[in-house]
Amino acid sequence: MSTNTATLQSGAKMPLNGFGTWKASVEETEQAVTAALRAGYRHIDCAAVYWNEAAVGTAISKAISGGVVKREDLFITSKVWNTCHATDKVVDSCRQSLKDHQVDYFDLFLVRDIGVSNYSVALLVDTLNYARIKPSVNQCEAHVYFARPQLRDVCREFGVHLPCTPSSQRPKGR
């Protein structure tokens, strides 16, 4: 799989095609992430609220120990849930997610407006007009069947990267 990347404000290279784990059950997450890593995905998108981070961590750990991938070649994204935005809760949430993922660091950890998740065009434009520190990323579902051209145009105009992270859960029969 070829990997197009975007350079973030930190200089980090973020693969624009990511594998999303939203709505994937714990049982299917490890298998799906393992298959994604074998297929060449290097950007894995997760969140504590998905309730499957430990399964993601198991798949990543096995892929690293099995020589499928090196940690430095992965770009792992997670995010703090809305009820954990207080400083002490953000730190605890991040530490728990790191433990669940069995990694020492995240490449992108979405917290409010530094990296944003699922912002609509209106909310993103409002944020960009008022935020002192502009977000680098608006991570949301976008793919060939859900292209979101208006959101892509706004992101491009303001220099916000829009990684494609389709949900791994698909309706039955599709």
Protein backbone atom coordinates (compact mmCIF):
# COMPACT_ATOMS: atom_id res chain seq x y z
CA MET A 1 0.00 0.00 0.00
CA SER A 2 1.46 3.38 -0.94
CA THR A 3 1.26 5.90 1.83
CA ASN A 4 0.67 9.57 1.13
CA THR A 5 1.66 11.67 4.11
CA ALA A 6 1.07 15.15 5.43
CA THR A 7 3.69 17.03 7.41
CA LEU A 8 2.21 18.31 10.68
CA GLN A 9 3.29 21.49 12.44
CA SER A 10 5.66 19.42 14.60
CA GLY A 11 7.36 18.04 11.50
CA ALA A 12 5.86 14.56 12.00
CA LYS A 13 4.74 12.74 8.86
CA MET A 14 1.16 11.52 9.16
CA PRO A 15 -0.13 8.88 6.71
CA LEU A 16 -3.34 10.23 5.21
CA ASN A 17 -4.95 6.81 4.83
CA GLY A 18 -5.69 5.46 8.26
CA PHE A 19 -7.48 2.40 9.59
CA GLY A 20 -10.35 3.36 11.90
CA THR A 21 -11.46 1.15 14.78
CA TRP A 22 -14.77 2.86 15.65
CA LYS A 23 -17.72 0.50 16.11
CA ALA A 24 -15.50 -2.56 15.88
CA SER A 25 -16.22 -5.06 18.61
CA VAL A 26 -13.39 -6.19 20.87
CA GLU A 27 -13.61 -9.63 19.29
CA GLU A 28 -13.10 -8.38 15.74
CA THR A 29 -10.71 -5.50 16.49
CA GLU A 30 -7.53 -7.51 17.01
CA GLN A 31 -8.12 -9.50 13.84
CA ALA A 32 -9.04 -6.41 11.80
CA VAL A 33 -6.03 -4.36 12.98
CA THR A 34 -3.72 -7.32 12.35
CA ALA A 35 -5.06 -7.63 8.79
CA ALA A 36 -4.76 -3.87 8.25
CA LEU A 37 -1.11 -3.84 9.37
CA ARG A 38 -0.33 -6.81 7.12
CA ALA A 39 -2.05 -5.02 4.23
CA GLY A 40 0.23 -2.01 4.72
CA TYR A 41 -1.77 0.40 6.85
CA ARG A 42 0.54 2.39 9.11
CA HIS A 43 -1.94 4.89 10.58
CA ILE A 44 -4.27 3.35 13.18
CA ASP A 45 -7.05 5.52 14.62
CA CYS A 46 -8.48 4.74 18.06
CA ALA A 47 -10.21 6.29 21.07
CA ALA A 48 -10.89 5.22 24.63
CA VAL A 49 -14.62 5.62 24.03
CA TYR A 50 -14.45 2.91 21.33
CA TRP A 51 -13.84 0.40 24.15
CA ASN A 52 -11.42 -1.64 22.04
CA GLU A 53 -8.00 -0.04 22.63
CA ALA A 54 -6.62 -3.09 24.46
CA ALA A 55 -7.42 -5.26 21.42
CA VAL A 56 -5.72 -2.68 19.18
CA GLY A 57 -2.71 -2.81 21.51
CA THR A 58 -2.57 -6.59 21.35
CA ALA A 59 -2.59 -6.50 17.54
CA ILE A 60 0.11 -3.81 17.43
CA SER A 61 2.27 -5.65 19.97
CA LYS A 62 1.99 -8.93 18.06
CA ALA A 63 2.74 -7.21 14.74
CA ILE A 64 5.86 -5.58 16.20
CA SER A 65 7.11 -8.74 17.91
CA GLY A 66 6.34 -10.76 14.77
CA GLY A 67 8.39 -8.44 12.56
CA VAL A 68 5.41 -7.21 10.53
CA VAL A 69 6.11 -3.59 11.41
CA LYS A 70 8.37 -1.43 13.59
CA ARG A 71 6.85 1.00 16.10
CA GLU A 72 8.64 3.94 14.46
CA ASP A 73 6.86 3.13 11.18
CA LEU A 74 3.42 3.39 12.78
CA PHE A 75 1.33 6.52 13.30
CA ILE A 76 -1.09 5.86 16.15
CA THR A 77 -3.90 8.30 16.86
CA SER A 78 -6.09 8.30 19.94
CA LYS A 79 -8.34 10.86 21.50
CA VAL A 80 -9.59 11.93 24.89
CA TRP A 81 -13.34 11.66 25.49
CA ASN A 82 -15.46 14.75 26.19
CA THR A 83 -15.82 14.00 29.91
CA CYS A 84 -12.04 13.94 30.42
CA HIS A 85 -10.96 17.44 29.36
CA ALA A 86 -9.86 18.57 32.84
CA THR A 87 -6.05 18.62 33.05
CA ASP A 88 -5.75 15.73 35.51
CA LYS A 89 -8.28 13.66 33.57
CA VAL A 90 -6.50 14.25 30.23
CA VAL A 91 -3.24 12.95 31.69
CA ASP A 92 -4.95 9.91 33.24
CA SER A 93 -6.88 9.21 30.03
CA CYS A 94 -3.71 9.40 27.94
CA ARG A 95 -1.78 7.14 30.32
CA GLN A 96 -4.54 4.53 30.30
CA SER A 97 -4.76 4.61 26.51
CA LEU A 98 -0.97 4.23 26.22
CA LYS A 99 -1.12 1.24 28.56
CA ASP A 100 -4.00 -0.31 26.59
CA HIS A 101 -2.14 0.21 23.30
CA GLN A 102 1.07 -1.23 24.78
CA VAL A 103 3.08 1.73 23.42
CA ASP A 104 5.20 4.48 24.96
CA TYR A 105 3.82 7.37 22.90
CA PHE A 106 1.06 8.45 20.53
CA ASP A 107 1.87 10.17 17.28
CA LEU A 108 -1.32 12.20 17.52
CA PHE A 109 -3.51 12.60 20.60
CA LEU A 110 -6.63 14.60 19.90
CA VAL A 111 -7.64 16.97 22.67
CA ARG A 112 -10.14 19.70 21.89
CA ASP A 113 -8.65 22.13 19.35
CA ILE A 114 -5.06 20.95 18.88
CA GLY A 115 -6.22 18.12 16.72
CA VAL A 116 -9.98 17.97 16.30
CA SER A 117 -12.28 15.07 15.57
CA ASN A 118 -15.52 15.04 13.58
CA TYR A 119 -15.73 18.84 13.13
CA SER A 120 -18.30 19.95 10.56
CA VAL A 121 -17.46 22.70 8.05
CA ALA A 122 -19.24 25.31 10.21
CA LEU A 123 -17.56 24.26 13.46
CA LEU A 124 -14.13 24.05 11.81
CA VAL A 125 -14.45 27.51 10.22
CA ASP A 126 -15.62 28.95 13.54
CA THR A 127 -12.65 27.35 15.32
CA LEU A 128 -10.19 28.61 12.71
CA ASN A 129 -11.56 32.15 12.98
CA TYR A 130 -11.23 32.32 16.77
CA ALA A 131 -8.57 29.87 17.93
CA ARG A 132 -5.20 31.30 18.90
CA ILE A 133 -3.62 27.92 18.11
CA LYS A 134 -5.05 26.41 14.95
CA PRO A 135 -5.73 22.66 14.79
CA SER A 136 -3.40 20.63 12.59
CA VAL A 137 -5.91 17.86 11.88
CA ASN A 138 -9.65 17.33 11.59
CA GLN A 139 -9.89 13.54 11.91
CA CYS A 140 -13.19 12.16 10.70
CA GLU A 141 -14.67 9.52 8.47
CA ALA A 142 -13.88 10.22 4.83
CA HIS A 143 -13.36 7.75 2.03
CA VAL A 144 -14.23 7.01 -1.58
CA TYR A 145 -17.92 6.51 -0.74
CA PHE A 146 -18.09 9.51 1.60
CA ALA A 147 -15.70 12.03 0.03
CA ARG A 148 -16.83 15.22 1.86
CA PRO A 149 -15.63 17.67 -0.82
CA GLN A 150 -16.73 20.85 0.99
CA LEU A 151 -14.94 19.80 4.18
CA ARG A 152 -11.84 18.86 2.17
CA ASP A 153 -11.86 22.27 0.45
CA VAL A 154 -12.10 24.16 3.76
CA CYS A 155 -9.33 22.03 5.29
CA ARG A 156 -7.09 22.64 2.27
CA GLU A 157 -7.79 26.40 2.35
CA PHE A 158 -6.79 26.71 6.01
CA GLY A 159 -3.95 24.16 6.04
CA VAL A 160 -5.79 21.64 8.21
CA HIS A 161 -5.05 18.03 7.29
CA LEU A 162 -7.96 15.63 6.81
CA PRO A 163 -6.75 12.04 7.20
CA CYS A 164 -9.04 9.39 5.75
CA THR A 165 -10.03 6.96 8.48
CA PRO A 166 -13.02 4.89 7.42
CA SER A 167 -14.73 2.92 10.13
CA SER A 168 -13.75 -0.73 10.15
CA GLN A 169 -17.39 -1.62 10.83
CA ARG A 170 -19.46 -2.10 7.69
CA PRO A 171 -23.15 -2.92 7.44
CA LYS A 172 -23.82 -6.60 6.81
CA GLY A 173 -23.94 -7.48 3.12
CA ARG A 174 -21.70 -4.64 1.94
